Amino acid sequence: GLPVPWRHKSFMQMRKVAITAGFASMCLVGAILLTSGSPGAMEALQTTDGQSVTTTSLFKTGEPSTDFPKPTALAMKLQSPKEWKAHINTNVGPFTVLVHRDWAPKGADRFYSLVMNDFYDGGRFFRYADNFVVQWGLKGEPHIDEMYENGANIKDDAPKKSNSAGRITFATSGPDTRSTQVFVNLADNTFLDDQGFTPFGELATAEDLDLFKNKINAEYGEKADQNRIISEGNSLYLKKAFPHMSYIKTEKVEVITP
């Protein structure tokens, strides 16, 4: 059978085989576009425990990687809007993820926090399993990826939706181990539903799914090693070993329902 989506439990852990193996795992009114780098933006965002965070305090692409917020920082505890879109531009074209917080609140909150802090900018689609999944979610900056491989996990959400084609889900390495890595289901992977893989959103259109099936570069398959991505990053590893690997250029949020 197909391997399940997984991520390493720790930076030094070697590649596993079996069920935990297979592949390395605004509260604003109206529908407006907001990027974490909006000049002069002072909108107050809410954290999951009711505290306020301004958009100007969020991490912006181009700042030193050492400034990226720690998993415990307020900037990484943002509460997701009820429904929102992540507009993601890649080197092979744009796609949109429609996030439904009621599907998986904790997962939606983490994904929202990551997108609002430009986490996925520069990240590679490092695993392509044909007719199964496309996975990404390592930034390719060792300082940041090492920080989020340890002590950044969130609790699981109760399963509400199936892993049907086009839905997006966090990769795990067991119960309560979701962190930054996500995958898009290329097919109806219902066998994942009872293994802790809980979708929090879906690709917005059929064209978005077509981008994953036919435009994201599939030539490297499952060859990329997560440990090396974490320790060496894009510059020292992925860009040299997999020079044509598809990657994310920019990301932004569109709030549908605050």
C-alpha atoms as a PDB file:
ATOM      1  CA  GLY A   1       0.000   0.000   0.000  1.00  0.00           C
ATOM      2  CA  LEU A   2       0.910   3.660  -0.128  1.00  0.00           C
ATOM      3  CA  PRO A   3       3.065   5.115   2.665  1.00  0.00           C
ATOM      4  CA  VAL A   4       1.406   7.618   4.938  1.00  0.00           C
ATOM      5  CA  PRO A   5       2.437  11.286   5.137  1.00  0.00           C
ATOM      6  CA  TRP A   6       4.888  11.783   7.967  1.00  0.00           C
ATOM      7  CA  ARG A   7       7.516  14.132   9.284  1.00  0.00           C
ATOM      8  CA  HIS A   8      10.582  13.533  11.443  1.00  0.00           C
ATOM      9  CA  LYS A   9      10.075  13.635  15.191  1.00  0.00           C
ATOM     10  CA  SER A  10      13.511  15.136  15.658  1.00  0.00           C
ATOM     11  CA  PHE A  11      16.273  16.689  13.596  1.00  0.00           C
ATOM     12  CA  MET A  12      18.707  13.816  14.032  1.00  0.00           C
ATOM     13  CA  GLN A  13      16.222  11.018  13.488  1.00  0.00           C
ATOM     14  CA  MET A  14      17.008   8.777  10.527  1.00  0.00           C
ATOM     15  CA  ARG A  15      14.449   7.908   7.865  1.00  0.00           C
ATOM     16  CA  LYS A  16      11.868   5.413   9.148  1.00  0.00           C
ATOM     17  CA  VAL A  17       9.964   2.609   7.493  1.00  0.00           C
ATOM     18  CA  ALA A  18       6.401   1.399   8.260  1.00  0.00           C
ATOM     19  CA  ILE A  19       3.284   3.247   9.369  1.00  0.00           C
ATOM     20  CA  THR A  20       5.144   6.265  10.766  1.00  0.00           C
ATOM     21  CA  ALA A  21       7.321   6.188   7.688  1.00  0.00           C
ATOM     22  CA  GLY A  22       7.071   6.500   3.999  1.00  0.00           C
ATOM     23  CA  PHE A  23       7.818  10.120   3.552  1.00  0.00           C
ATOM     24  CA  ALA A  24       9.408  12.720   5.567  1.00  0.00           C
ATOM     25  CA  SER A  25       6.693  14.548   6.980  1.00  0.00           C
ATOM     26  CA  MET A  26      -7.303  39.164  11.360  1.00  0.00           C
ATOM     27  CA  CYS A  27     -10.110  39.583  12.607  1.00  0.00           C
ATOM     28  CA  LEU A  28     -10.913  42.017   9.757  1.00  0.00           C
ATOM     29  CA  VAL A  29     -14.238  43.146   8.357  1.00  0.00           C
ATOM     30  CA  GLY A  30     -15.106  41.962   4.867  1.00  0.00           C
ATOM     31  CA  ALA A  31     -13.057  40.088   2.320  1.00  0.00           C
ATOM     32  CA  ILE A  32      -9.823  42.048   1.957  1.00  0.00           C
ATOM     33  CA  LEU A  33      -6.311  41.158   1.014  1.00  0.00           C
ATOM     34  CA  LEU A  34      -3.688  41.458   3.713  1.00  0.00           C
ATOM     35  CA  THR A  35      -0.046  40.506   3.534  1.00  0.00           C
ATOM     36  CA  SER A  36       2.254  40.444   6.499  1.00  0.00           C
ATOM     37  CA  GLY A  37       4.437  42.932   4.684  1.00  0.00           C
ATOM     38  CA  SER A  38       1.769  45.578   4.054  1.00  0.00           C
ATOM     39  CA  PRO A  39       3.530  48.948   4.471  1.00  0.00           C
ATOM     40  CA  GLY A  40       2.385  50.714   7.593  1.00  0.00           C
ATOM     41  CA  ALA A  41      -0.284  48.133   8.354  1.00  0.00           C
ATOM     42  CA  MET A  42      -1.332  48.295  11.988  1.00  0.00           C
ATOM     43  CA  GLU A  43      -4.329  45.978  11.968  1.00  0.00           C
ATOM     44  CA  ALA A  44      -4.791  44.110  15.230  1.00  0.00           C
ATOM     45  CA  LEU A  45      -4.890  40.342  14.943  1.00  0.00           C
ATOM     46  CA  GLN A  46      -6.155  38.107  17.731  1.00  0.00           C
ATOM     47  CA  THR A  47      -4.338  35.178  19.260  1.00  0.00           C
ATOM     48  CA  THR A  48      -6.072  31.995  20.338  1.00  0.00           C
ATOM     49  CA  ASP A  49      -5.968  33.202  23.958  1.00  0.00           C
ATOM     50  CA  GLY A  50      -7.417  36.652  23.191  1.00  0.00           C
ATOM     51  CA  GLN A  51      -4.277  38.764  23.007  1.00  0.00           C
ATOM     52  CA  SER A  52      -3.617  41.299  20.245  1.00  0.00           C
ATOM     53  CA  VAL A  53      -0.811  41.258  17.695  1.00  0.00           C
ATOM     54  CA  THR A  54      -0.191  43.942  15.051  1.00  0.00           C
ATOM     55  CA  THR A  55       0.669  42.980  11.502  1.00  0.00           C
ATOM     56  CA  THR A  56       3.809  45.112  11.704  1.00  0.00           C
ATOM     57  CA  SER A  57       5.179  42.748  14.352  1.00  0.00           C
ATOM     58  CA  LEU A  58       4.981  39.727  12.052  1.00  0.00           C
ATOM     59  CA  PHE A  59       7.989  38.294  10.247  1.00  0.00           C
ATOM     60  CA  LYS A  60       8.491  39.496   6.661  1.00  0.00           C
ATOM     61  CA  THR A  61      10.474  37.816   3.917  1.00  0.00           C
ATOM     62  CA  GLY A  62      13.857  39.513   3.640  1.00  0.00           C
ATOM     63  CA  GLU A  63      14.381  39.880   7.370  1.00  0.00           C
ATOM     64  CA  PRO A  64      17.149  37.809   9.015  1.00  0.00           C
ATOM     65  CA  SER A  65      16.087  34.210   9.614  1.00  0.00           C
ATOM     66  CA  THR A  66      17.219  34.652  13.215  1.00  0.00           C
ATOM     67  CA  ASP A  67      14.282  37.059  13.642  1.00  0.00           C
ATOM     68  CA  PHE A  68      11.674  34.438  12.769  1.00  0.00           C
ATOM     69  CA  PRO A  69       9.285  34.016  15.723  1.00  0.00           C
ATOM     70  CA  LYS A  70       9.720  31.061  18.002  1.00  0.00           C
ATOM     71  CA  PRO A  71       6.851  28.562  18.219  1.00  0.00           C
ATOM     72  CA  THR A  72       5.899  30.056  21.592  1.00  0.00           C
ATOM     73  CA  ALA A  73       5.734  33.649  20.280  1.00  0.00           C
ATOM     74  CA  LEU A  74       2.370  35.427  20.066  1.00  0.00           C
ATOM     75  CA  ALA A  75       2.911  35.843  16.317  1.00  0.00           C
ATOM     76  CA  MET A  76       2.682  32.063  15.987  1.00  0.00           C
ATOM     77  CA  LYS A  77      -0.488  31.777  18.061  1.00  0.00           C
ATOM     78  CA  LEU A  78      -2.840  33.697  15.773  1.00  0.00           C
ATOM     79  CA  GLN A  79      -6.479  32.700  15.613  1.00  0.00           C
ATOM     80  CA  SER A  80      -7.576  31.864  12.121  1.00  0.00           C
ATOM     81  CA  PRO A  81     -10.616  33.597  10.628  1.00  0.00           C
ATOM     82  CA  LYS A  82     -13.619  31.309  10.231  1.00  0.00           C
ATOM     83  CA  GLU A  83     -13.006  31.114   6.496  1.00  0.00           C
ATOM     84  CA  TRP A  84     -10.115  32.520   4.490  1.00  0.00           C
ATOM     85  CA  LYS A  85      -8.000  31.976   1.425  1.00  0.00           C
ATOM     86  CA  ALA A  86      -4.253  31.521   1.193  1.00  0.00           C
ATOM     87  CA  HIS A  87      -3.164  32.831  -2.206  1.00  0.00           C
ATOM     88  CA  ILE A  88       0.159  31.186  -2.944  1.00  0.00           C
ATOM     89  CA  ASN A  89       2.311  32.073  -5.927  1.00  0.00           C
ATOM     90  CA  THR A  90       4.829  29.510  -7.145  1.00  0.00           C
ATOM     91  CA  ASN A  91       7.420  29.453  -9.893  1.00  0.00           C
ATOM     92  CA  VAL A  92       4.948  27.475 -12.028  1.00  0.00           C
ATOM     93  CA  GLY A  93       1.871  29.559 -11.300  1.00  0.00           C
ATOM     94  CA  PRO A  94      -0.539  30.502  -8.487  1.00  0.00           C
ATOM     95  CA  PHE A  95      -2.929  28.384  -6.461  1.00  0.00           C
ATOM     96  CA  THR A  96      -5.401  29.127  -3.689  1.00  0.00           C
ATOM     97  CA  VAL A  97      -6.189  27.185  -0.519  1.00  0.00           C
ATOM     98  CA  LEU A  98      -9.629  27.746   0.995  1.00  0.00           C
ATOM     99  CA  VAL A  99      -9.338  27.213   4.763  1.00  0.00           C
ATOM    100  CA  HIS A 100     -12.331  26.274   6.928  1.00  0.00           C
ATOM    101  CA  ARG A 101     -11.517  26.750  10.619  1.00  0.00           C
ATOM    102  CA  ASP A 102     -14.451  24.590  11.719  1.00  0.00           C
ATOM    103  CA  TRP A 103     -12.923  21.592   9.933  1.00  0.00           C
ATOM    104  CA  ALA A 104      -9.820  21.613  12.153  1.00  0.00           C
ATOM    105  CA  PRO A 105      -9.411  24.712  14.381  1.00  0.00           C
ATOM    106  CA  LYS A 106      -5.919  23.994  15.667  1.00  0.00           C
ATOM    107  CA  GLY A 107      -4.642  23.129  12.204  1.00  0.00           C
ATOM    108  CA  ALA A 108      -6.234  26.223  10.674  1.00  0.00           C
ATOM    109  CA  ASP A 109      -4.742  28.433  13.396  1.00  0.00           C
ATOM    110  CA  ARG A 110      -1.240  27.061  12.823  1.00  0.00           C
ATOM    111  CA  PHE A 111      -1.482  27.336   9.025  1.00  0.00           C
ATOM    112  CA  TYR A 112      -2.772  30.910   9.353  1.00  0.00           C
ATOM    113  CA  SER A 113       0.112  31.824  11.668  1.00  0.00           C
ATOM    114  CA  LEU A 114       2.628  30.323   9.261  1.00  0.00           C
ATOM    115  CA  VAL A 115       1.215  32.083   6.199  1.00  0.00           C
ATOM    116  CA  MET A 116       0.936  35.427   8.007  1.00  0.00           C
ATOM    117  CA  ASN A 117       4.623  35.171   8.925  1.00  0.00           C
ATOM    118  CA  ASP A 118       5.733  34.305   5.361  1.00  0.00           C
ATOM    119  CA  PHE A 119       6.916  30.896   6.522  1.00  0.00           C
ATOM    120  CA  TYR A 120       6.312  29.140   3.225  1.00  0.00           C
ATOM    121  CA  ASP A 121       8.107  31.715   1.038  1.00  0.00           C
ATOM    122  CA  GLY A 122      11.010  29.923  -0.634  1.00  0.00           C
ATOM    123  CA  GLY A 123       9.819  26.486   0.470  1.00  0.00           C
ATOM    124  CA  ARG A 124      10.170  23.626  -2.004  1.00  0.00           C
ATOM    125  CA  PHE A 125       7.598  20.993  -2.963  1.00  0.00           C
ATOM    126  CA  PHE A 126      10.081  18.375  -1.840  1.00  0.00           C
ATOM    127  CA  ARG A 127       7.988  15.265  -2.218  1.00  0.00           C
ATOM    128  CA  TYR A 128       5.834  14.234  -5.149  1.00  0.00           C
ATOM    129  CA  ALA A 129       4.108  10.849  -4.854  1.00  0.00           C
ATOM    130  CA  ASP A 130       2.175  10.398  -8.075  1.00  0.00           C
ATOM    131  CA  ASN A 131      -1.573   9.923  -7.630  1.00  0.00           C
ATOM    132  CA  PHE A 132      -1.110  10.236  -3.858  1.00  0.00           C
ATOM    133  CA  VAL A 133       0.196  13.518  -2.402  1.00  0.00           C
ATOM    134  CA  VAL A 134       2.444  16.529  -2.903  1.00  0.00           C
ATOM    135  CA  GLN A 135       4.133  17.612   0.336  1.00  0.00           C
ATOM    136  CA  TRP A 136       5.893  20.791   1.403  1.00  0.00           C
ATOM    137  CA  GLY A 137       6.425  22.848   4.559  1.00  0.00           C
ATOM    138  CA  LEU A 138      10.143  22.995   5.283  1.00  0.00           C
ATOM    139  CA  LYS A 139      11.306  26.573   4.788  1.00  0.00           C
ATOM    140  CA  GLY A 140      14.806  25.667   3.662  1.00  0.00           C
ATOM    141  CA  GLU A 141      16.398  27.878   6.332  1.00  0.00           C
ATOM    142  CA  PRO A 142      18.173  25.571   8.817  1.00  0.00           C
ATOM    143  CA  HIS A 143      17.788  27.942  11.785  1.00  0.00           C
ATOM    144  CA  ILE A 144      14.018  28.064  11.317  1.00  0.00           C
ATOM    145  CA  ASP A 145      13.427  24.446  10.329  1.00  0.00           C
ATOM    146  CA  GLU A 146      15.453  23.107  13.255  1.00  0.00           C
ATOM    147  CA  MET A 147      13.479  25.346  15.622  1.00  0.00           C
ATOM    148  CA  TYR A 148      10.158  24.024  14.312  1.00  0.00           C
ATOM    149  CA  GLU A 149      11.197  20.385  14.298  1.00  0.00           C
ATOM    150  CA  ASN A 150      11.453  20.410  18.084  1.00  0.00           C
ATOM    151  CA  GLY A 151       8.907  21.746  20.530  1.00  0.00           C
ATOM    152  CA  ALA A 152       6.557  23.233  17.928  1.00  0.00           C
ATOM    153  CA  ASN A 153       3.946  20.499  17.662  1.00  0.00           C
ATOM    154  CA  ILE A 154       0.242  21.203  18.030  1.00  0.00           C
ATOM    155  CA  LYS A 155      -2.466  18.923  19.369  1.00  0.00           C
ATOM    156  CA  ASP A 156      -4.580  16.918  16.955  1.00  0.00           C
ATOM    157  CA  ASP A 157      -8.027  18.029  15.844  1.00  0.00           C
ATOM    158  CA  ALA A 158     -10.977  15.651  15.896  1.00  0.00           C
ATOM    159  CA  PRO A 159     -11.480  14.318  12.350  1.00  0.00           C
ATOM    160  CA  LYS A 160     -14.403  15.880  10.505  1.00  0.00           C
ATOM    161  CA  LYS A 161     -13.542  15.704   6.817  1.00  0.00           C
ATOM    162  CA  SER A 162     -12.081  13.034   4.553  1.00  0.00           C
ATOM    163  CA  ASN A 163      -8.786  13.230   2.684  1.00  0.00           C
ATOM    164  CA  SER A 164     -10.417  13.539  -0.704  1.00  0.00           C
ATOM    165  CA  ALA A 165      -8.616  14.875  -3.767  1.00  0.00           C
ATOM    166  CA  GLY A 166      -7.688  18.538  -3.449  1.00  0.00           C
ATOM    167  CA  ARG A 167      -7.874  18.751   0.325  1.00  0.00           C
ATOM    168  CA  ILE A 168      -4.900  19.936   2.374  1.00  0.00           C
ATOM    169  CA  THR A 169      -3.728  18.292   5.588  1.00  0.00           C
ATOM    170  CA  PHE A 170      -0.783  18.478   7.997  1.00  0.00           C
ATOM    171  CA  ALA A 171       1.815  15.706   7.856  1.00  0.00           C
ATOM    172  CA  THR A 172       2.537  13.979  11.165  1.00  0.00           C
ATOM    173  CA  SER A 173       4.892  11.518  12.847  1.00  0.00           C
ATOM    174  CA  GLY A 174       2.221  10.196  15.191  1.00  0.00           C
ATOM    175  CA  PRO A 175      -0.415  11.662  17.522  1.00  0.00           C
ATOM    176  CA  ASP A 176      -0.095  15.388  18.330  1.00  0.00           C
ATOM    177  CA  THR A 177       2.926  15.984  16.071  1.00  0.00           C
ATOM    178  CA  ARG A 178       1.663  18.483  13.492  1.00  0.00           C
ATOM    179  CA  SER A 179       4.104  21.352  12.996  1.00  0.00           C
ATOM    180  CA  THR A 180       4.706  23.036   9.604  1.00  0.00           C
ATOM    181  CA  GLN A 181       4.582  20.368   6.915  1.00  0.00           C
ATOM    182  CA  VAL A 182       1.424  19.961   4.844  1.00  0.00           C
ATOM    183  CA  PHE A 183       0.320  17.975   1.830  1.00  0.00           C
ATOM    184  CA  VAL A 184      -2.295  18.179  -0.892  1.00  0.00           C
ATOM    185  CA  ASN A 185      -4.171  14.984  -1.674  1.00  0.00           C
ATOM    186  CA  LEU A 186      -3.884  14.212  -5.382  1.00  0.00           C
ATOM    187  CA  ALA A 187      -6.483  11.445  -5.100  1.00  0.00           C
ATOM    188  CA  ASP A 188      -9.164  10.266  -2.677  1.00  0.00           C
ATOM    189  CA  ASN A 189      -6.915   9.000   0.127  1.00  0.00           C
ATOM    190  CA  THR A 190      -9.657   7.923   2.500  1.00  0.00           C
ATOM    191  CA  PHE A 191      -7.390   5.347   4.141  1.00  0.00           C
ATOM    192  CA  LEU A 192      -5.634   8.280   5.855  1.00  0.00           C
ATOM    193  CA  ASP A 193      -8.796   9.408   7.648  1.00  0.00           C
ATOM    194  CA  ASP A 194      -8.464   7.112  10.670  1.00  0.00           C
ATOM    195  CA  GLN A 195      -4.704   7.668  11.031  1.00  0.00           C
ATOM    196  CA  GLY A 196      -4.790  11.206  12.423  1.00  0.00           C
ATOM    197  CA  PHE A 197      -4.682  13.109   9.145  1.00  0.00           C
ATOM    198  CA  THR A 198      -7.343  15.809   9.414  1.00  0.00           C
ATOM    199  CA  PRO A 199      -7.914  18.198   6.481  1.00  0.00           C
ATOM    200  CA  PHE A 200      -8.225  21.886   7.385  1.00  0.00           C
ATOM    201  CA  GLY A 201      -8.837  23.220   3.888  1.00  0.00           C
ATOM    202  CA  GLU A 202      -9.058  22.513   0.191  1.00  0.00           C
ATOM    203  CA  LEU A 203      -7.793  23.798  -3.103  1.00  0.00           C
ATOM    204  CA  ALA A 204     -10.249  26.429  -4.305  1.00  0.00           C
ATOM    205  CA  THR A 205     -10.675  25.306  -7.913  1.00  0.00           C
ATOM    206  CA  ALA A 206     -10.124  22.425 -10.307  1.00  0.00           C
ATOM    207  CA  GLU A 207      -7.402  24.549 -11.917  1.00  0.00           C
ATOM    208  CA  ASP A 208      -5.547  24.615  -8.604  1.00  0.00           C
ATOM    209  CA  LEU A 209      -5.582  20.817  -8.440  1.00  0.00           C
ATOM    210  CA  ASP A 210      -4.424  20.678 -12.058  1.00  0.00           C
ATOM    211  CA  LEU A 211      -1.402  22.781 -11.089  1.00  0.00           C
ATOM    212  CA  PHE A 212      -0.405  20.146  -8.547  1.00  0.00           C
ATOM    213  CA  LYS A 213      -0.996  17.275 -10.935  1.00  0.00           C
ATOM    214  CA  ASN A 214       0.534  18.729 -14.071  1.00  0.00           C
ATOM    215  CA  LYS A 215       2.705  21.771 -13.320  1.00  0.00           C
ATOM    216  CA  ILE A 216       4.478  21.146 -10.005  1.00  0.00           C
ATOM    217  CA  ASN A 217       7.679  19.376 -11.015  1.00  0.00           C
ATOM    218  CA  ALA A 218       7.364  15.655 -10.332  1.00  0.00           C
ATOM    219  CA  GLU A 219      10.741  14.550 -11.700  1.00  0.00           C
ATOM    220  CA  TYR A 220      12.425  14.166  -8.291  1.00  0.00           C
ATOM    221  CA  GLY A 221       9.643  12.079  -6.769  1.00  0.00           C
ATOM    222  CA  GLU A 222      10.568  11.097  -3.225  1.00  0.00           C
ATOM    223  CA  LYS A 223      14.334  11.477  -3.469  1.00  0.00           C
ATOM    224  CA  ALA A 224      14.781  14.540  -1.246  1.00  0.00           C
ATOM    225  CA  ASP A 225      15.952  13.775   2.299  1.00  0.00           C
ATOM    226  CA  GLN A 226      14.188  15.734   5.039  1.00  0.00           C
ATOM    227  CA  ASN A 227      17.157  15.559   7.388  1.00  0.00           C
ATOM    228  CA  ARG A 228      19.358  17.230   4.801  1.00  0.00           C
ATOM    229  CA  ILE A 229      16.733  19.869   4.008  1.00  0.00           C
ATOM    230  CA  ILE A 230      16.608  20.727   7.709  1.00  0.00           C
ATOM    231  CA  SER A 231      20.365  20.731   8.270  1.00  0.00           C
ATOM    232  CA  GLU A 232      21.556  22.189   4.935  1.00  0.00           C
ATOM    233  CA  GLY A 233      18.553  24.093   3.620  1.00  0.00           C
ATOM    234  CA  ASN A 234      17.748  25.261   0.133  1.00  0.00           C
ATOM    235  CA  SER A 235      21.112  26.835  -0.598  1.00  0.00           C
ATOM    236  CA  LEU A 236      23.411  23.978   0.337  1.00  0.00           C
ATOM    237  CA  TYR A 237      21.172  21.043  -0.542  1.00  0.00           C
ATOM    238  CA  LEU A 238      17.963  21.432  -2.529  1.00  0.00           C
ATOM    239  CA  LYS A 239      19.123  24.031  -5.052  1.00  0.00           C
ATOM    240  CA  LYS A 240      22.192  21.941  -5.854  1.00  0.00           C
ATOM    241  CA  ALA A 241      20.769  18.415  -5.765  1.00  0.00           C
ATOM    242  CA  PHE A 242      17.332  19.259  -7.214  1.00  0.00           C
ATOM    243  CA  PRO A 243      17.788  22.470  -9.239  1.00  0.00           C
ATOM    244  CA  HIS A 244      14.396  22.258 -10.957  1.00  0.00           C
ATOM    245  CA  MET A 245      12.301  21.550  -7.876  1.00  0.00           C
ATOM    246  CA  SER A 246       9.158  23.703  -7.804  1.00  0.00           C
ATOM    247  CA  TYR A 247       8.926  26.263  -5.024  1.00  0.00           C
ATOM    248  CA  ILE A 248       6.751  28.939  -3.411  1.00  0.00           C
ATOM    249  CA  LYS A 249       7.505  32.592  -4.182  1.00  0.00           C
ATOM    250  CA  THR A 250       4.930  34.530  -2.157  1.00  0.00           C
ATOM    251  CA  GLU A 251       1.849  34.006   0.006  1.00  0.00           C
ATOM    252  CA  LYS A 252      -0.965  36.257   1.170  1.00  0.00           C
ATOM    253  CA  VAL A 253      -4.246  36.044   3.066  1.00  0.00           C
ATOM    254  CA  GLU A 254      -7.750  36.950   1.948  1.00  0.00           C
ATOM    255  CA  VAL A 255     -10.309  36.913   4.743  1.00  0.00           C
ATOM    256  CA  ILE A 256     -13.747  35.670   3.709  1.00  0.00           C
ATOM    257  CA  THR A 257     -15.477  35.347   7.080  1.00  0.00           C
ATOM    258  CA  PRO A 258     -13.692  36.908  10.101  1.00  0.00           C
END
